[in-house]
């Protein structure tokens, strides 16, 4: 359910930016969402379609890029992607890893008229 508040913030931020730059129509909003963010893109789209009515972002297309999980292993030095369902280094099987990507959530850009 936290997708509702996240979506409201997307609308707020994009509306403020549109108003600051005298933009009347936002055609698309490009989002980066990490696989570990816990956000469900379909829910964001659902809430966006409802909550954006009457705003400059109404009707904008949400373009969502999912960011895969990447790690850095302190045991062997591996830096790279982590397979889904795995929690250890794919090279040495160590659990001494740091997540370096996959928790992101950000508005990357907007396409406007």
C-alpha atoms as a PDB file:
ATOM      1  CA  UNK A   1       0.000   0.000   0.000  1.00  0.00           C
ATOM      2  CA  UNK A   2       2.997   2.336   0.252  1.00  0.00           C
ATOM      3  CA  UNK A   3       2.758   2.672  -3.540  1.00  0.00           C
ATOM      4  CA  UNK A   4      -0.045   5.218  -3.025  1.00  0.00           C
ATOM      5  CA  UNK A   5       2.146   7.651  -1.075  1.00  0.00           C
ATOM      6  CA  UNK A   6       5.058   7.067  -3.461  1.00  0.00           C
ATOM      7  CA  UNK A   7       2.772   7.768  -6.425  1.00  0.00           C
ATOM      8  CA  UNK A   8       1.420  10.924  -4.789  1.00  0.00           C
ATOM      9  CA  UNK A   9       5.000  12.139  -4.373  1.00  0.00           C
ATOM     10  CA  UNK A  10       5.800  11.372  -8.026  1.00  0.00           C
ATOM     11  CA  UNK A  11       2.801  13.462  -9.050  1.00  0.00           C
ATOM     12  CA  UNK A  12       3.736  16.274  -6.662  1.00  0.00           C
ATOM     13  CA  UNK A  13       7.369  16.450  -7.787  1.00  0.00           C
ATOM     14  CA  UNK A  14       6.561  16.249 -11.504  1.00  0.00           C
ATOM     15  CA  UNK A  15       3.742  18.798 -11.205  1.00  0.00           C
ATOM     16  CA  UNK A  16       6.056  21.228  -9.377  1.00  0.00           C
ATOM     17  CA  UNK A  17       8.723  20.801 -12.062  1.00  0.00           C
ATOM     18  CA  UNK A  18       6.156  21.272 -14.822  1.00  0.00           C
ATOM     19  CA  UNK A  19       4.875  24.458 -13.165  1.00  0.00           C
ATOM     20  CA  UNK A  20       8.421  25.775 -12.597  1.00  0.00           C
ATOM     21  CA  UNK A  21       9.169  25.410 -16.310  1.00  0.00           C
ATOM     22  CA  UNK A  22       5.771  26.534 -17.693  1.00  0.00           C
ATOM     23  CA  UNK A  23       5.056  23.047 -19.032  1.00  0.00           C
ATOM     24  CA  UNK A  24       1.414  22.393 -19.836  1.00  0.00           C
ATOM     25  CA  UNK A  25       1.617  18.687 -20.742  1.00  0.00           C
ATOM     26  CA  UNK A  26       3.876  15.939 -19.425  1.00  0.00           C
ATOM     27  CA  UNK A  27       3.989  13.114 -21.973  1.00  0.00           C
ATOM     28  CA  UNK A  28       6.000  10.571 -19.997  1.00  0.00           C
ATOM     29  CA  UNK A  29       7.763  10.103 -16.676  1.00  0.00           C
ATOM     30  CA  UNK A  30      10.795   7.822 -16.593  1.00  0.00           C
ATOM     31  CA  UNK A  31      11.325   5.997 -13.302  1.00  0.00           C
ATOM     32  CA  UNK A  32      14.149   3.768 -12.053  1.00  0.00           C
ATOM     33  CA  UNK A  33      12.922   1.161  -9.575  1.00  0.00           C
ATOM     34  CA  UNK A  34      15.299  -1.305  -7.935  1.00  0.00           C
ATOM     35  CA  UNK A  35      14.244  -4.926  -7.595  1.00  0.00           C
ATOM     36  CA  UNK A  36      14.702  -4.684  -3.824  1.00  0.00           C
ATOM     37  CA  UNK A  37      12.699  -1.461  -3.442  1.00  0.00           C
ATOM     38  CA  UNK A  38       9.549  -3.392  -2.623  1.00  0.00           C
ATOM     39  CA  UNK A  39       7.549  -1.282  -5.081  1.00  0.00           C
ATOM     40  CA  UNK A  40       5.136  -2.904  -7.511  1.00  0.00           C
ATOM     41  CA  UNK A  41       5.086  -1.057 -10.854  1.00  0.00           C
ATOM     42  CA  UNK A  42       1.508  -2.121 -11.664  1.00  0.00           C
ATOM     43  CA  UNK A  43       0.278  -0.586  -8.392  1.00  0.00           C
ATOM     44  CA  UNK A  44       2.131   2.654  -9.082  1.00  0.00           C
ATOM     45  CA  UNK A  45       0.518   2.829 -12.532  1.00  0.00           C
ATOM     46  CA  UNK A  46      -2.927   2.102 -11.073  1.00  0.00           C
ATOM     47  CA  UNK A  47      -2.664   4.845  -8.435  1.00  0.00           C
ATOM     48  CA  UNK A  48      -1.071   7.246 -10.925  1.00  0.00           C
ATOM     49  CA  UNK A  49      -4.012   6.942 -13.326  1.00  0.00           C
ATOM     50  CA  UNK A  50      -6.421   7.879 -10.535  1.00  0.00           C
ATOM     51  CA  UNK A  51      -4.451  10.456  -8.537  1.00  0.00           C
ATOM     52  CA  UNK A  52      -3.043  12.434 -11.477  1.00  0.00           C
ATOM     53  CA  UNK A  53      -6.451  13.611 -12.726  1.00  0.00           C
ATOM     54  CA  UNK A  54      -6.581  17.376 -13.066  1.00  0.00           C
ATOM     55  CA  UNK A  55      -2.787  17.796 -12.923  1.00  0.00           C
ATOM     56  CA  UNK A  56      -0.239  18.547 -15.675  1.00  0.00           C
ATOM     57  CA  UNK A  57       0.863  14.895 -15.491  1.00  0.00           C
ATOM     58  CA  UNK A  58      -2.595  13.468 -16.192  1.00  0.00           C
ATOM     59  CA  UNK A  59      -2.322  11.005 -19.060  1.00  0.00           C
ATOM     60  CA  UNK A  60       1.472  10.797 -18.878  1.00  0.00           C
ATOM     61  CA  UNK A  61       2.965   7.409 -19.604  1.00  0.00           C
ATOM     62  CA  UNK A  62       5.024   5.895 -16.798  1.00  0.00           C
ATOM     63  CA  UNK A  63       8.153   4.303 -18.219  1.00  0.00           C
ATOM     64  CA  UNK A  64       9.629   2.060 -15.548  1.00  0.00           C
ATOM     65  CA  UNK A  65      13.141   0.665 -15.753  1.00  0.00           C
ATOM     66  CA  UNK A  66      13.766  -2.105 -13.233  1.00  0.00           C
ATOM     67  CA  UNK A  67      17.250  -1.993 -11.734  1.00  0.00           C
ATOM     68  CA  UNK A  68      18.676  -5.470 -11.020  1.00  0.00           C
ATOM     69  CA  UNK A  69      20.458  -6.334  -7.781  1.00  0.00           C
ATOM     70  CA  UNK A  70      24.230  -5.948  -7.860  1.00  0.00           C
ATOM     71  CA  UNK A  71      26.710  -6.751  -5.103  1.00  0.00           C
ATOM     72  CA  UNK A  72      30.291  -6.260  -4.082  1.00  0.00           C
ATOM     73  CA  UNK A  73      31.911  -9.258  -2.343  1.00  0.00           C
ATOM     74  CA  UNK A  74      34.480  -8.412   0.322  1.00  0.00           C
ATOM     75  CA  UNK A  75      35.811 -11.997   0.291  1.00  0.00           C
ATOM     76  CA  UNK A  76      36.815 -12.385  -3.360  1.00  0.00           C
ATOM     77  CA  UNK A  77      36.305  -8.902  -4.808  1.00  0.00           C
ATOM     78  CA  UNK A  78      33.466  -9.839  -7.173  1.00  0.00           C
ATOM     79  CA  UNK A  79      31.393  -6.889  -8.379  1.00  0.00           C
ATOM     80  CA  UNK A  80      28.304  -7.660 -10.397  1.00  0.00           C
ATOM     81  CA  UNK A  81      24.794  -8.974 -10.630  1.00  0.00           C
ATOM     82  CA  UNK A  82      23.228 -11.290  -8.110  1.00  0.00           C
ATOM     83  CA  UNK A  83      20.921 -14.019  -9.344  1.00  0.00           C
ATOM     84  CA  UNK A  84      17.308 -13.890  -8.169  1.00  0.00           C
ATOM     85  CA  UNK A  85      16.786 -15.998  -5.073  1.00  0.00           C
ATOM     86  CA  UNK A  86      20.527 -16.107  -4.277  1.00  0.00           C
ATOM     87  CA  UNK A  87      22.005 -14.280  -1.317  1.00  0.00           C
ATOM     88  CA  UNK A  88      25.670 -15.221  -1.563  1.00  0.00           C
ATOM     89  CA  UNK A  89      28.483 -14.320  -3.948  1.00  0.00           C
ATOM     90  CA  UNK A  90      28.130 -16.256  -7.220  1.00  0.00           C
ATOM     91  CA  UNK A  91      31.925 -16.722  -7.374  1.00  0.00           C
ATOM     92  CA  UNK A  92      32.952 -17.796  -3.854  1.00  0.00           C
ATOM     93  CA  UNK A  93      29.555 -18.338  -2.129  1.00  0.00           C
ATOM     94  CA  UNK A  94      30.477 -15.883   0.631  1.00  0.00           C
ATOM     95  CA  UNK A  95      27.752 -13.998   2.461  1.00  0.00           C
ATOM     96  CA  UNK A  96      30.163 -11.095   3.049  1.00  0.00           C
ATOM     97  CA  UNK A  97      28.521  -9.001   0.352  1.00  0.00           C
ATOM     98  CA  UNK A  98      27.346  -5.422   0.102  1.00  0.00           C
ATOM     99  CA  UNK A  99      24.367  -4.522  -2.072  1.00  0.00           C
ATOM    100  CA  UNK A 100      25.482  -1.781  -4.462  1.00  0.00           C
ATOM    101  CA  UNK A 101      22.389  -1.571  -6.720  1.00  0.00           C
ATOM    102  CA  UNK A 102      18.787  -2.659  -6.601  1.00  0.00           C
ATOM    103  CA  UNK A 103      17.298  -0.488  -3.852  1.00  0.00           C
ATOM    104  CA  UNK A 104      16.883   2.610  -6.007  1.00  0.00           C
ATOM    105  CA  UNK A 105      13.735   4.529  -6.585  1.00  0.00           C
ATOM    106  CA  UNK A 106      13.983   7.762  -8.525  1.00  0.00           C
ATOM    107  CA  UNK A 107      12.397   9.937 -11.147  1.00  0.00           C
ATOM    108  CA  UNK A 108      14.990   9.846 -13.905  1.00  0.00           C
ATOM    109  CA  UNK A 109      13.412  12.256 -16.395  1.00  0.00           C
ATOM    110  CA  UNK A 110      10.215  13.612 -17.938  1.00  0.00           C
ATOM    111  CA  UNK A 111       9.246  14.088 -21.567  1.00  0.00           C
ATOM    112  CA  UNK A 112       7.159  17.221 -22.006  1.00  0.00           C
ATOM    113  CA  UNK A 113       5.391  19.285 -24.654  1.00  0.00           C
END
